[in-house]
Protein backbone atom coordinates (compact mmCIF):
# COMPACT_ATOMS: atom_id res chain seq x y z
CA MET A 1 46.21 -5.32 32.79
CA ARG A 2 46.77 -4.53 29.15
CA ASN A 3 45.36 -6.48 26.21
CA ILE A 4 48.00 -7.41 23.65
CA ASN A 5 48.08 -9.06 20.24
CA GLY A 6 50.29 -11.93 19.09
CA ASP A 7 53.11 -9.69 17.88
CA GLU A 8 53.23 -7.88 21.22
CA LEU A 9 53.21 -11.21 23.07
CA ARG A 10 56.22 -12.36 21.05
CA GLN A 11 58.05 -9.09 21.73
CA ILE A 12 57.42 -9.13 25.50
CA ARG A 13 58.12 -12.86 25.67
CA SER A 14 61.57 -12.34 24.17
CA THR A 15 62.70 -10.80 27.45
CA GLU A 16 64.06 -13.14 30.11
CA ASN A 17 61.60 -11.76 32.65
CA ALA A 18 58.43 -12.89 30.85
CA VAL A 19 56.28 -15.98 31.42
CA VAL A 20 53.40 -17.22 29.26
CA LEU A 21 50.70 -18.43 31.67
CA ASP A 22 48.05 -20.65 30.08
CA VAL A 23 44.94 -20.88 32.27
CA ARG A 24 43.02 -23.43 30.16
CA THR A 25 41.97 -26.89 31.28
CA PRO A 26 44.33 -29.85 30.75
CA ALA A 27 42.06 -31.13 27.94
CA GLU A 28 42.35 -27.79 26.11
CA VAL A 29 46.11 -27.64 26.63
CA HIS A 30 46.40 -31.16 25.20
CA GLU A 31 45.23 -29.71 21.86
CA GLY A 32 48.29 -27.47 21.79
CA MET A 33 49.90 -24.63 23.71
CA ILE A 34 52.44 -21.88 23.18
CA GLU A 35 55.91 -23.37 23.59
CA GLY A 36 57.36 -22.76 27.04
CA ALA A 37 54.03 -21.76 28.60
CA ILE A 38 53.15 -22.83 32.12
CA ASN A 39 49.67 -24.24 32.62
CA ILE A 40 47.70 -23.34 35.73
CA ASP A 41 44.04 -24.20 35.14
CA LEU A 42 41.83 -21.31 36.28
CA MET A 43 39.06 -23.78 37.14
CA ASN A 44 41.30 -25.89 39.38
CA GLN A 45 40.64 -25.57 43.10
CA TYR A 46 44.34 -24.83 43.68
CA PHE A 47 44.60 -22.01 41.13
CA GLN A 48 44.96 -19.26 43.75
CA ASP A 49 47.53 -21.24 45.74
CA ARG A 50 49.63 -21.86 42.62
CA VAL A 51 49.46 -18.20 41.58
CA GLU A 52 50.60 -17.12 45.05
CA GLU A 53 53.84 -19.08 44.44
CA LEU A 54 54.72 -17.13 41.27
CA ASP A 55 57.42 -14.45 41.15
CA ARG A 56 55.66 -11.07 41.29
CA ASP A 57 58.54 -9.33 39.50
CA LYS A 58 58.01 -11.23 36.25
CA HIS A 59 55.81 -10.17 33.33
CA TYR A 60 52.86 -12.56 32.86
CA LEU A 61 51.37 -13.09 29.42
CA MET A 62 47.95 -14.58 30.09
CA VAL A 63 46.39 -17.03 27.61
CA CYS A 64 43.17 -19.05 27.43
CA ARG A 65 40.94 -20.25 24.59
CA SER A 66 39.36 -16.90 23.65
CA GLY A 67 40.66 -14.31 26.12
CA GLY A 68 37.91 -14.29 28.76
CA ARG A 69 39.31 -16.62 31.42
CA SER A 70 42.80 -15.22 30.99
CA ALA A 71 41.43 -11.70 31.55
CA GLN A 72 39.66 -12.93 34.69
CA ALA A 73 42.85 -14.60 35.93
CA GLY A 74 44.90 -11.51 35.10
CA MET A 75 42.54 -9.24 37.03
CA TYR A 76 42.83 -11.57 40.02
CA MET A 77 46.63 -11.47 39.78
CA GLU A 78 46.63 -7.68 39.69
CA SER A 79 44.31 -7.58 42.72
CA ILE A 80 46.89 -9.49 44.78
CA GLY A 81 49.85 -7.38 43.74
CA PHE A 82 51.14 -8.57 40.36
CA GLU A 83 52.14 -5.44 38.45
CA TYR A 84 53.03 -6.75 34.98
CA VAL A 85 50.07 -8.67 33.57
CA TYR A 86 49.04 -8.81 29.89
CA ASN A 87 46.13 -10.61 28.24
CA LEU A 88 46.35 -12.13 24.75
CA GLU A 89 43.34 -10.78 22.85
CA GLY A 90 41.42 -13.60 21.23
CA GLY A 91 43.35 -16.19 23.22
CA MET A 92 44.57 -19.31 21.46
CA MET A 93 41.81 -18.88 18.87
CA GLY A 94 43.55 -15.70 17.76
CA TRP A 95 47.13 -16.93 18.17
CA ASP A 96 48.91 -17.16 14.83
CA GLY A 97 52.16 -18.63 16.12
CA ASP A 98 53.40 -22.16 16.57
CA VAL A 99 51.93 -24.48 19.17
CA VAL A 100 53.31 -27.60 20.81
CA ARG A 101 51.57 -30.56 22.37
CA PRO A 102 52.54 -31.23 25.97
């Protein structure tokens, strides 16, 4: 897993094979998320089941509040065979782009 900054996230995201995966809680996501992101709460009991359903050929841009949980989730994804996993350094606290409310 590679740590990336906001500019790199935007660049990778511009490809059709990239997915922003927000692993924050629903309450955190309610405050705003990157447009088009999918939310799978790392703390939810079904997190692993939901991740297993994801397409392993896609590039996953992991996001949380500060970068810790997304790194943890990304390491888990790599351990089960996901090859293209990136972690947004600083998480949403460091994101300088637009956000939307779900």
